[in-house]
């Protein structure tokens, strides 16, 4: 019997909350066991950018939502096996905490566990312009094994709406986990 992937999704307080929500929607539709952790700033950003009912919507889709201050949650342990973790969006504060192993909340602790266990960790870092400190934190996270994937629109796909851009970015982030589920992002067929 094939078991479906177990994935952790973190939503931090950077702009782009719909990215994390869309990732949970896609993974839930694929039948994955999703574990959600949202920072306090993430909650505020979801309410502002997506609407007052968006947090309840994403919670209902997730297999389980873990409180950000519950450092003793199952997902904080390396013995809790997952297929990977995506932080979308990933604020610079969260990136910096991950890059320096400052695991002061469940989101950062779980990301740290993924790094120490050599599991996939995808960070959709959301900031521009970047200063040298940001770049150094991205380099440090990459050297530790994270995949830094800023949510840059794929204009060659000729998106017709913001939702087209969000959807493609979410699918690409999921693809980076190499899950054994139906292909999510349509592969590029070339210009030919």
N, C-alpha and C. Protein backbone atom coordinates (compact mmCIF):
# COMPACT_ATOMS: atom_id res chain seq x y z
N UNK A 1 0.84 -1.19 0.00
CA UNK A 1 0.00 0.00 0.00
C UNK A 1 0.88 1.25 0.00
N UNK A 2 0.67 2.10 -0.96
CA UNK A 2 1.45 3.33 -1.09
C UNK A 2 0.94 4.38 -0.12
N UNK A 3 1.83 4.97 0.65
CA UNK A 3 1.43 6.05 1.54
C UNK A 3 1.70 7.38 0.85
N UNK A 4 0.82 8.32 1.07
CA UNK A 4 0.98 9.63 0.46
C UNK A 4 1.98 10.46 1.25
N UNK A 5 2.62 11.40 0.59
CA UNK A 5 3.64 12.21 1.26
C UNK A 5 3.07 13.04 2.41
N UNK A 6 3.92 13.23 3.40
CA UNK A 6 3.63 14.11 4.53
C UNK A 6 4.51 15.34 4.35
N UNK A 7 3.89 16.52 4.28
CA UNK A 7 4.62 17.76 4.00
C UNK A 7 4.26 18.81 5.05
N UNK A 8 5.26 19.55 5.48
CA UNK A 8 5.05 20.68 6.39
C UNK A 8 5.06 21.96 5.56
N UNK A 9 4.08 22.82 5.82
CA UNK A 9 4.02 24.12 5.16
C UNK A 9 4.07 25.19 6.24
N UNK A 10 5.04 26.08 6.11
CA UNK A 10 5.14 27.22 7.01
C UNK A 10 4.75 28.48 6.26
N UNK A 11 3.98 29.33 6.92
CA UNK A 11 3.62 30.63 6.35
C UNK A 11 4.11 31.69 7.32
N UNK A 12 5.06 32.51 6.86
CA UNK A 12 5.57 33.58 7.71
C UNK A 12 4.96 34.90 7.29
N UNK A 13 5.43 36.00 7.85
CA UNK A 13 4.76 37.28 7.69
C UNK A 13 5.12 38.11 6.48
N UNK A 14 5.87 37.58 5.56
CA UNK A 14 6.19 38.35 4.35
C UNK A 14 4.97 38.46 3.46
N UNK A 15 4.99 39.43 2.57
CA UNK A 15 3.91 39.55 1.59
C UNK A 15 3.93 38.33 0.68
N UNK A 16 2.74 37.92 0.27
CA UNK A 16 2.63 36.74 -0.59
C UNK A 16 1.97 35.57 0.12
N UNK A 17 1.12 35.86 1.09
CA UNK A 17 0.47 34.80 1.88
C UNK A 17 -0.30 33.81 1.01
N UNK A 18 -0.83 34.28 -0.11
CA UNK A 18 -1.60 33.39 -0.98
C UNK A 18 -0.74 32.25 -1.53
N UNK A 19 0.57 32.46 -1.61
CA UNK A 19 1.46 31.39 -2.06
C UNK A 19 1.37 30.18 -1.14
N UNK A 20 1.46 30.42 0.16
CA UNK A 20 1.36 29.33 1.12
C UNK A 20 0.00 28.67 1.11
N UNK A 21 -1.03 29.49 1.00
CA UNK A 21 -2.39 28.96 0.95
C UNK A 21 -2.57 28.08 -0.29
N UNK A 22 -2.09 28.53 -1.43
CA UNK A 22 -2.24 27.75 -2.67
C UNK A 22 -1.47 26.44 -2.58
N UNK A 23 -0.31 26.46 -1.95
CA UNK A 23 0.47 25.23 -1.78
C UNK A 23 -0.32 24.22 -0.95
N UNK A 24 -0.94 24.68 0.13
CA UNK A 24 -1.76 23.78 0.95
C UNK A 24 -2.94 23.25 0.14
N UNK A 25 -3.57 24.12 -0.65
CA UNK A 25 -4.70 23.68 -1.49
C UNK A 25 -4.27 22.58 -2.45
N UNK A 26 -3.16 22.78 -3.12
CA UNK A 26 -2.69 21.80 -4.11
C UNK A 26 -2.28 20.48 -3.46
N UNK A 27 -1.59 20.55 -2.35
CA UNK A 27 -1.17 19.34 -1.66
C UNK A 27 -2.37 18.58 -1.10
N UNK A 28 -3.33 19.31 -0.55
CA UNK A 28 -4.54 18.67 -0.02
C UNK A 28 -5.31 17.99 -1.15
N UNK A 29 -5.40 18.64 -2.31
CA UNK A 29 -6.09 18.06 -3.45
C UNK A 29 -5.40 16.79 -3.94
N UNK A 30 -4.08 16.72 -3.75
CA UNK A 30 -3.32 15.54 -4.15
C UNK A 30 -3.37 14.44 -3.09
N UNK A 31 -4.03 14.72 -1.98
CA UNK A 31 -4.18 13.73 -0.92
C UNK A 31 -3.02 13.65 0.05
N UNK A 32 -2.14 14.64 0.02
CA UNK A 32 -1.00 14.64 0.93
C UNK A 32 -1.42 14.97 2.36
N UNK A 33 -0.65 14.48 3.30
CA UNK A 33 -0.85 14.83 4.71
C UNK A 33 -0.09 16.12 4.97
N UNK A 34 -0.81 17.21 5.14
CA UNK A 34 -0.18 18.52 5.30
C UNK A 34 -0.22 18.98 6.75
N UNK A 35 0.93 19.46 7.20
CA UNK A 35 1.05 20.01 8.55
C UNK A 35 1.40 21.49 8.39
N UNK A 36 0.56 22.33 8.97
CA UNK A 36 0.65 23.78 8.78
C UNK A 36 1.11 24.46 10.06
N UNK A 37 2.05 25.39 9.91
CA UNK A 37 2.44 26.26 11.02
C UNK A 37 2.54 27.68 10.46
N UNK A 38 1.85 28.60 11.13
CA UNK A 38 1.76 29.99 10.67
C UNK A 38 2.30 30.90 11.77
N UNK A 39 3.22 31.78 11.41
CA UNK A 39 3.74 32.73 12.40
C UNK A 39 2.66 33.75 12.73
N UNK A 40 2.85 34.47 13.83
CA UNK A 40 1.89 35.51 14.21
C UNK A 40 1.80 36.58 13.12
N UNK A 41 2.94 36.96 12.57
CA UNK A 41 2.93 37.93 11.46
C UNK A 41 2.27 37.34 10.23
N UNK A 42 2.43 36.04 10.03
CA UNK A 42 1.77 35.36 8.92
C UNK A 42 0.26 35.43 9.04
N UNK A 43 -0.26 35.24 10.25
CA UNK A 43 -1.70 35.35 10.48
C UNK A 43 -2.20 36.73 10.09
N UNK A 44 -1.46 37.73 10.50
CA UNK A 44 -1.85 39.12 10.20
C UNK A 44 -1.81 39.39 8.70
N UNK A 45 -0.76 38.89 8.04
CA UNK A 45 -0.63 39.11 6.60
C UNK A 45 -1.72 38.38 5.82
N UNK A 46 -2.05 37.16 6.23
CA UNK A 46 -3.13 36.42 5.58
C UNK A 46 -4.43 37.22 5.66
N UNK A 47 -4.75 37.73 6.84
CA UNK A 47 -5.97 38.52 7.01
C UNK A 47 -5.99 39.75 6.13
N UNK A 48 -4.85 40.43 6.03
CA UNK A 48 -4.77 41.66 5.23
C UNK A 48 -4.79 41.39 3.73
N UNK A 49 -3.99 40.41 3.27
CA UNK A 49 -3.84 40.19 1.84
C UNK A 49 -4.93 39.31 1.23
N UNK A 50 -5.43 38.35 1.99
CA UNK A 50 -6.35 37.37 1.41
C UNK A 50 -7.77 37.54 1.95
N UNK A 51 -7.89 37.93 3.21
CA UNK A 51 -9.21 38.17 3.78
C UNK A 51 -9.40 37.50 5.12
N UNK A 52 -10.45 37.90 5.83
CA UNK A 52 -10.64 37.43 7.21
C UNK A 52 -10.96 35.94 7.33
N UNK A 53 -11.47 35.32 6.28
CA UNK A 53 -11.81 33.89 6.35
C UNK A 53 -10.72 32.99 5.79
N UNK A 54 -9.65 33.56 5.27
CA UNK A 54 -8.61 32.77 4.60
C UNK A 54 -7.88 31.83 5.56
N UNK A 55 -7.64 32.28 6.79
CA UNK A 55 -6.93 31.42 7.73
C UNK A 55 -7.78 30.19 8.08
N UNK A 56 -9.06 30.38 8.30
CA UNK A 56 -9.94 29.24 8.57
C UNK A 56 -9.99 28.30 7.37
N UNK A 57 -9.99 28.86 6.16
CA UNK A 57 -10.00 28.06 4.94
C UNK A 57 -8.77 27.15 4.87
N UNK A 58 -7.59 27.71 5.07
CA UNK A 58 -6.36 26.92 4.95
C UNK A 58 -6.24 25.93 6.11
N UNK A 59 -6.70 26.31 7.30
CA UNK A 59 -6.70 25.38 8.43
C UNK A 59 -7.58 24.16 8.14
N UNK A 60 -8.74 24.40 7.52
CA UNK A 60 -9.67 23.31 7.21
C UNK A 60 -9.08 22.34 6.19
N UNK A 61 -8.23 22.82 5.31
CA UNK A 61 -7.60 21.97 4.29
C UNK A 61 -6.43 21.16 4.85
N UNK A 62 -5.74 21.72 5.82
CA UNK A 62 -4.56 21.06 6.38
C UNK A 62 -4.97 19.86 7.22
N UNK A 63 -4.13 18.83 7.20
CA UNK A 63 -4.35 17.68 8.06
C UNK A 63 -4.33 18.12 9.52
N UNK A 64 -3.36 19.03 9.82
CA UNK A 64 -3.27 19.58 11.17
C UNK A 64 -2.56 20.92 11.13
N UNK A 65 -3.06 21.86 11.93
CA UNK A 65 -2.35 23.12 12.13
C UNK A 65 -1.73 23.09 13.52
N UNK A 66 -0.45 23.41 13.57
CA UNK A 66 0.30 23.42 14.82
C UNK A 66 0.52 24.86 15.26
N UNK A 67 0.26 25.19 16.53
CA UNK A 67 0.51 26.55 17.02
C UNK A 67 2.00 26.89 16.93
N UNK A 68 2.31 28.09 16.51
CA UNK A 68 3.70 28.50 16.28
C UNK A 68 4.52 28.48 17.57
N UNK A 69 3.87 28.58 18.72
CA UNK A 69 4.62 28.57 19.98
C UNK A 69 4.73 27.18 20.60
N UNK A 70 4.20 26.15 19.93
CA UNK A 70 4.25 24.78 20.45
C UNK A 70 5.54 24.10 20.03
N UNK A 71 6.61 24.44 20.69
CA UNK A 71 7.93 23.91 20.33
C UNK A 71 8.04 22.41 20.58
N UNK A 72 7.06 21.84 21.30
CA UNK A 72 7.04 20.40 21.55
C UNK A 72 6.15 19.62 20.60
N UNK A 73 5.70 20.25 19.54
CA UNK A 73 4.82 19.58 18.56
C UNK A 73 5.57 18.45 17.85
N UNK A 74 4.81 17.53 17.28
CA UNK A 74 5.42 16.39 16.58
C UNK A 74 6.39 16.82 15.49
N UNK A 75 6.04 17.88 14.77
CA UNK A 75 6.87 18.31 13.64
C UNK A 75 8.21 18.91 14.08
N UNK A 76 8.40 19.11 15.40
CA UNK A 76 9.66 19.65 15.92
C UNK A 76 10.70 18.57 16.13
N UNK A 77 10.35 17.32 15.82
CA UNK A 77 11.27 16.21 16.06
C UNK A 77 11.71 15.56 14.75
N UNK A 78 12.96 15.18 14.71
CA UNK A 78 13.48 14.46 13.55
C UNK A 78 12.86 13.09 13.38
N UNK A 79 12.30 12.53 14.45
CA UNK A 79 11.66 11.21 14.34
C UNK A 79 10.32 11.29 13.64
N UNK A 80 9.79 12.50 13.44
CA UNK A 80 8.54 12.70 12.70
C UNK A 80 8.93 12.84 11.23
N UNK A 81 8.84 11.75 10.49
CA UNK A 81 9.33 11.73 9.11
C UNK A 81 8.40 12.49 8.18
N UNK A 82 9.01 13.29 7.32
CA UNK A 82 8.26 14.02 6.30
C UNK A 82 8.95 13.89 4.96
N UNK A 83 8.24 14.29 3.93
CA UNK A 83 8.83 14.33 2.58
C UNK A 83 9.45 15.68 2.30
N UNK A 84 9.30 16.62 3.23
CA UNK A 84 9.89 17.94 3.05
C UNK A 84 9.05 19.03 3.67
N UNK A 85 9.56 20.23 3.54
CA UNK A 85 8.91 21.42 4.10
C UNK A 85 9.06 22.57 3.12
N UNK A 86 7.99 23.37 3.01
CA UNK A 86 8.03 24.59 2.21
C UNK A 86 7.64 25.74 3.12
N UNK A 87 8.42 26.82 3.11
CA UNK A 87 8.06 28.04 3.81
C UNK A 87 7.70 29.06 2.75
N UNK A 88 6.39 29.40 2.70
CA UNK A 88 5.89 30.28 1.64
C UNK A 88 4.79 31.19 2.18
N UNK A 89 5.02 32.45 2.20
CA UNK A 89 6.28 33.13 1.90
C UNK A 89 7.24 33.01 3.07
N UNK A 90 8.50 33.23 2.80
CA UNK A 90 9.53 33.19 3.83
C UNK A 90 10.05 34.61 4.02
N UNK A 91 9.76 35.19 5.17
CA UNK A 91 10.22 36.54 5.47
C UNK A 91 11.73 36.53 5.72
N UNK A 92 12.35 37.69 5.65
CA UNK A 92 13.78 37.79 5.94
C UNK A 92 14.05 37.46 7.39
N UNK A 93 13.13 37.76 8.29
CA UNK A 93 13.29 37.41 9.70
C UNK A 93 13.34 35.88 9.84
N UNK A 94 12.43 35.20 9.16
CA UNK A 94 12.40 33.74 9.23
C UNK A 94 13.63 33.15 8.55
N UNK A 95 14.00 33.65 7.40
CA UNK A 95 15.21 33.19 6.72
C UNK A 95 16.42 33.35 7.64
N UNK A 96 16.56 34.51 8.26
CA UNK A 96 17.71 34.77 9.13
C UNK A 96 17.73 33.81 10.32
N UNK A 97 16.56 33.55 10.89
CA UNK A 97 16.49 32.61 12.02
C UNK A 97 16.87 31.21 11.57
N UNK A 98 16.41 30.79 10.40
CA UNK A 98 16.76 29.47 9.88
C UNK A 98 18.26 29.39 9.60
N UNK A 99 18.81 30.42 8.97
CA UNK A 99 20.22 30.43 8.59
C UNK A 99 21.16 30.45 9.79
N UNK A 100 20.68 30.94 10.94
CA UNK A 100 21.51 31.01 12.14
C UNK A 100 21.09 29.99 13.19
N UNK A 101 20.16 29.11 12.85
CA UNK A 101 19.64 28.07 13.76
C UNK A 101 19.04 28.66 15.03
N UNK A 102 18.42 29.82 14.92
CA UNK A 102 17.76 30.49 16.05
C UNK A 102 16.33 29.99 16.15
N UNK A 103 16.19 28.75 16.58
CA UNK A 103 14.89 28.07 16.56
C UNK A 103 14.03 28.47 17.75
N UNK A 104 13.54 29.70 17.72
CA UNK A 104 12.76 30.23 18.84
C UNK A 104 11.25 30.06 18.68
N UNK A 105 10.82 29.46 17.58
CA UNK A 105 9.40 29.14 17.40
C UNK A 105 9.30 27.86 16.58
N UNK A 106 8.10 27.34 16.48
CA UNK A 106 7.92 26.04 15.82
C UNK A 106 8.25 26.08 14.33
N UNK A 107 7.93 27.17 13.66
CA UNK A 107 8.23 27.25 12.23
C UNK A 107 9.73 27.11 11.99
N UNK A 108 10.51 27.88 12.72
CA UNK A 108 11.97 27.85 12.55
C UNK A 108 12.55 26.53 13.05
N UNK A 109 12.04 26.02 14.17
CA UNK A 109 12.53 24.74 14.69
C UNK A 109 12.29 23.62 13.69
N UNK A 110 11.11 23.61 13.07
CA UNK A 110 10.80 22.56 12.10
C UNK A 110 11.69 22.67 10.87
N UNK A 111 11.95 23.88 10.42
CA UNK A 111 12.88 24.07 9.30
C UNK A 111 14.27 23.57 9.69
N UNK A 112 14.69 23.86 10.91
CA UNK A 112 16.00 23.42 11.40
C UNK A 112 16.08 21.89 11.42
N UNK A 113 14.98 21.24 11.83
CA UNK A 113 14.93 19.77 11.84
C UNK A 113 15.09 19.24 10.42
N UNK A 114 14.44 19.87 9.46
CA UNK A 114 14.56 19.41 8.07
C UNK A 114 16.01 19.51 7.59
N UNK A 115 16.69 20.57 7.98
CA UNK A 115 18.09 20.70 7.59
C UNK A 115 18.96 19.64 8.26
N UNK A 116 18.79 19.44 9.56
CA UNK A 116 19.65 18.49 10.26
C UNK A 116 19.39 17.05 9.83
N UNK A 117 18.15 16.76 9.41
CA UNK A 117 17.79 15.42 8.95
C UNK A 117 18.04 15.24 7.45
N UNK A 118 18.56 16.30 6.80
CA UNK A 118 18.87 16.29 5.37
C UNK A 118 17.63 16.05 4.52
N UNK A 119 16.51 16.65 4.95
CA UNK A 119 15.27 16.59 4.18
C UNK A 119 15.12 17.88 3.39
N UNK A 120 14.31 17.83 2.35
CA UNK A 120 14.11 19.01 1.51
C UNK A 120 13.45 20.14 2.30
N UNK A 121 14.02 21.33 2.16
CA UNK A 121 13.48 22.55 2.74
C UNK A 121 13.50 23.60 1.65
N UNK A 122 12.32 24.06 1.23
CA UNK A 122 12.19 25.04 0.16
C UNK A 122 11.73 26.36 0.79
N UNK A 123 12.48 27.42 0.54
CA UNK A 123 12.19 28.73 1.12
C UNK A 123 11.82 29.72 0.01
N UNK A 124 10.57 30.14 -0.03
CA UNK A 124 10.13 31.14 -1.01
C UNK A 124 10.36 32.52 -0.40
N UNK A 125 11.62 32.94 -0.46
CA UNK A 125 12.05 34.19 0.16
C UNK A 125 11.44 35.38 -0.57
N UNK A 126 10.80 36.26 0.20
CA UNK A 126 10.03 37.36 -0.37
C UNK A 126 10.56 38.71 0.12
N UNK A 127 11.45 39.30 -0.63
CA UNK A 127 11.95 40.64 -0.31
C UNK A 127 12.63 41.22 -1.54
N UNK A 128 12.53 42.51 -1.71
CA UNK A 128 13.27 43.20 -2.76
C UNK A 128 13.24 44.70 -2.47
N UNK A 129 14.30 45.42 -2.72
CA UNK A 129 15.61 44.95 -3.14
C UNK A 129 16.31 44.26 -1.97
N UNK A 130 17.41 43.61 -2.29
CA UNK A 130 18.18 42.87 -1.29
C UNK A 130 19.43 43.65 -0.91
N UNK A 131 19.75 43.63 0.39
CA UNK A 131 21.06 44.16 0.80
C UNK A 131 21.98 42.98 1.09
N UNK A 132 23.22 43.25 1.36
CA UNK A 132 24.22 42.21 1.52
C UNK A 132 23.86 41.22 2.63
N UNK A 133 23.26 41.71 3.71
CA UNK A 133 22.85 40.81 4.80
C UNK A 133 21.84 39.78 4.34
N UNK A 134 20.88 40.21 3.51
CA UNK A 134 19.89 39.27 2.97
C UNK A 134 20.59 38.20 2.12
N UNK A 135 21.48 38.64 1.27
CA UNK A 135 22.19 37.73 0.37
C UNK A 135 23.04 36.74 1.17
N UNK A 136 23.68 37.23 2.23
CA UNK A 136 24.48 36.34 3.07
C UNK A 136 23.61 35.30 3.77
N UNK A 137 22.43 35.69 4.22
CA UNK A 137 21.53 34.74 4.88
C UNK A 137 21.03 33.69 3.87
N UNK A 138 20.76 34.11 2.63
CA UNK A 138 20.35 33.15 1.61
C UNK A 138 21.50 32.18 1.31
N UNK A 139 22.71 32.70 1.25
CA UNK A 139 23.87 31.84 1.00
C UNK A 139 24.06 30.86 2.16
N UNK A 140 23.92 31.33 3.39
CA UNK A 140 24.09 30.45 4.55
C UNK A 140 23.03 29.35 4.55
N UNK A 141 21.79 29.69 4.28
CA UNK A 141 20.72 28.67 4.23
C UNK A 141 20.99 27.66 3.12
N UNK A 142 21.45 28.14 1.99
CA UNK A 142 21.77 27.25 0.86
C UNK A 142 22.93 26.32 1.23
N UNK A 143 23.96 26.85 1.86
CA UNK A 143 25.10 26.02 2.27
C UNK A 143 24.68 24.94 3.27
N UNK A 144 23.62 25.21 4.04
CA UNK A 144 23.11 24.23 5.02
C UNK A 144 22.20 23.20 4.36
N UNK A 145 21.80 23.43 3.12
CA UNK A 145 20.99 22.45 2.41
C UNK A 145 19.62 22.92 1.98
N UNK A 146 19.24 24.13 2.34
CA UNK A 146 17.93 24.65 1.92
C UNK A 146 17.96 25.00 0.44
N UNK A 147 16.78 25.02 -0.15
CA UNK A 147 16.61 25.49 -1.53
C UNK A 147 15.94 26.85 -1.44
N UNK A 148 16.65 27.89 -1.82
CA UNK A 148 16.09 29.25 -1.81
C UNK A 148 15.47 29.48 -3.18
N UNK A 149 14.16 29.69 -3.19
CA UNK A 149 13.42 29.83 -4.45
C UNK A 149 12.52 31.06 -4.37
N UNK A 150 13.07 32.25 -4.63
CA UNK A 150 12.22 33.44 -4.59
C UNK A 150 11.06 33.29 -5.58
N UNK A 151 9.88 33.75 -5.22
CA UNK A 151 8.71 33.61 -6.10
C UNK A 151 8.75 34.60 -7.26
N UNK A 152 9.57 34.29 -8.24
CA UNK A 152 9.74 35.15 -9.42
C UNK A 152 8.77 34.68 -10.50
N UNK A 153 7.95 35.58 -11.03
CA UNK A 153 6.97 35.17 -12.06
C UNK A 153 7.64 34.60 -13.31
N UNK A 154 7.03 33.56 -13.85
CA UNK A 154 7.49 32.95 -15.10
C UNK A 154 6.71 33.60 -16.25
N UNK A 155 7.18 34.75 -16.70
CA UNK A 155 6.45 35.49 -17.74
C UNK A 155 6.40 34.76 -19.08
N UNK A 156 7.35 33.83 -19.30
CA UNK A 156 7.32 33.07 -20.54
C UNK A 156 6.06 32.21 -20.63
N UNK A 157 5.39 32.00 -19.51
CA UNK A 157 4.13 31.25 -19.50
C UNK A 157 2.94 32.12 -19.90
N UNK A 158 3.19 33.40 -20.07
CA UNK A 158 2.16 34.38 -20.44
C UNK A 158 0.95 34.34 -19.50
N UNK A 159 1.20 34.59 -18.20
CA UNK A 159 0.10 34.56 -17.24
C UNK A 159 -0.94 35.62 -17.56
N UNK A 160 -2.19 35.27 -17.35
CA UNK A 160 -3.31 36.18 -17.62
C UNK A 160 -3.80 36.88 -16.36
N UNK A 161 -3.36 36.40 -15.19
CA UNK A 161 -3.81 36.98 -13.93
C UNK A 161 -2.76 36.77 -12.85
N UNK A 162 -2.93 37.47 -11.75
CA UNK A 162 -2.05 37.27 -10.60
C UNK A 162 -2.20 35.83 -10.11
N UNK A 163 -3.42 35.30 -10.15
CA UNK A 163 -3.64 33.93 -9.70
C UNK A 163 -2.88 32.93 -10.56
N UNK A 164 -2.74 33.20 -11.86
CA UNK A 164 -1.92 32.34 -12.73
C UNK A 164 -0.47 32.30 -12.23
N UNK A 165 0.05 33.45 -11.83
CA UNK A 165 1.42 33.55 -11.34
C UNK A 165 1.55 32.80 -10.01
N UNK A 166 0.61 33.01 -9.11
CA UNK A 166 0.62 32.33 -7.81
C UNK A 166 0.56 30.82 -8.00
N UNK A 167 -0.35 30.38 -8.86
CA UNK A 167 -0.54 28.95 -9.08
C UNK A 167 0.73 28.30 -9.63
N UNK A 168 1.35 28.90 -10.63
CA UNK A 168 2.57 28.33 -11.21
C UNK A 168 3.70 28.31 -10.18
N UNK A 169 3.84 29.38 -9.41
CA UNK A 169 4.90 29.44 -8.40
C UNK A 169 4.69 28.36 -7.33
N UNK A 170 3.44 28.18 -6.91
CA UNK A 170 3.13 27.16 -5.90
C UNK A 170 3.45 25.76 -6.44
N UNK A 171 3.07 25.51 -7.68
CA UNK A 171 3.33 24.20 -8.28
C UNK A 171 4.83 23.94 -8.43
N UNK A 172 5.59 24.95 -8.79
CA UNK A 172 7.05 24.80 -8.90
C UNK A 172 7.67 24.52 -7.54
N UNK A 173 7.19 25.19 -6.51
CA UNK A 173 7.71 24.96 -5.16
C UNK A 173 7.47 23.51 -4.75
N UNK A 174 6.28 23.01 -5.01
CA UNK A 174 5.95 21.61 -4.69
C UNK A 174 6.84 20.66 -5.50
N UNK A 175 7.04 20.98 -6.77
CA UNK A 175 7.91 20.15 -7.61
C UNK A 175 9.31 20.00 -7.01
N UNK A 176 9.80 21.05 -6.34
CA UNK A 176 11.14 21.01 -5.75
C UNK A 176 11.27 19.97 -4.64
N UNK A 177 10.15 19.47 -4.12
CA UNK A 177 10.19 18.42 -3.10
C UNK A 177 10.37 17.03 -3.70
N UNK A 178 10.22 16.91 -5.02
CA UNK A 178 10.34 15.61 -5.69
C UNK A 178 9.39 14.57 -5.11
N UNK A 179 8.15 14.96 -4.92
CA UNK A 179 7.15 14.05 -4.36
C UNK A 179 6.67 13.07 -5.41
N UNK A 180 6.22 11.93 -4.95
CA UNK A 180 5.69 10.91 -5.85
C UNK A 180 4.18 11.12 -5.99
N UNK A 181 3.83 12.27 -6.55
CA UNK A 181 2.43 12.59 -6.83
C UNK A 181 2.37 13.07 -8.27
N UNK A 182 1.17 13.22 -8.77
CA UNK A 182 1.00 13.67 -10.16
C UNK A 182 1.80 14.95 -10.39
N UNK A 183 2.40 15.05 -11.56
CA UNK A 183 3.17 16.25 -11.91
C UNK A 183 2.29 17.47 -11.74
N UNK A 184 2.82 18.48 -11.08
CA UNK A 184 2.01 19.66 -10.79
C UNK A 184 2.29 20.81 -11.74
N UNK A 185 3.55 21.09 -11.98
CA UNK A 185 3.88 22.20 -12.88
C UNK A 185 4.07 21.64 -14.28
N UNK A 186 3.42 22.27 -15.23
CA UNK A 186 3.54 21.83 -16.62
C UNK A 186 4.97 22.08 -17.08
N UNK A 187 5.65 21.05 -17.56
CA UNK A 187 7.04 21.24 -17.99
C UNK A 187 7.12 22.15 -19.21
N UNK A 188 8.21 22.86 -19.27
CA UNK A 188 8.46 23.78 -20.38
C UNK A 188 8.71 22.97 -21.64
N UNK A 189 8.02 23.31 -22.71
CA UNK A 189 8.16 22.59 -23.97
C UNK A 189 9.09 23.23 -24.96
N UNK A 190 9.69 24.35 -24.59
CA UNK A 190 10.61 25.04 -25.49
C UNK A 190 9.88 26.03 -26.38
N UNK A 191 10.65 26.79 -27.13
CA UNK A 191 10.09 27.82 -28.01
C UNK A 191 9.80 27.30 -29.41
N UNK A 192 10.28 26.08 -29.71
CA UNK A 192 10.21 25.52 -31.05
C UNK A 192 8.87 25.42 -31.59
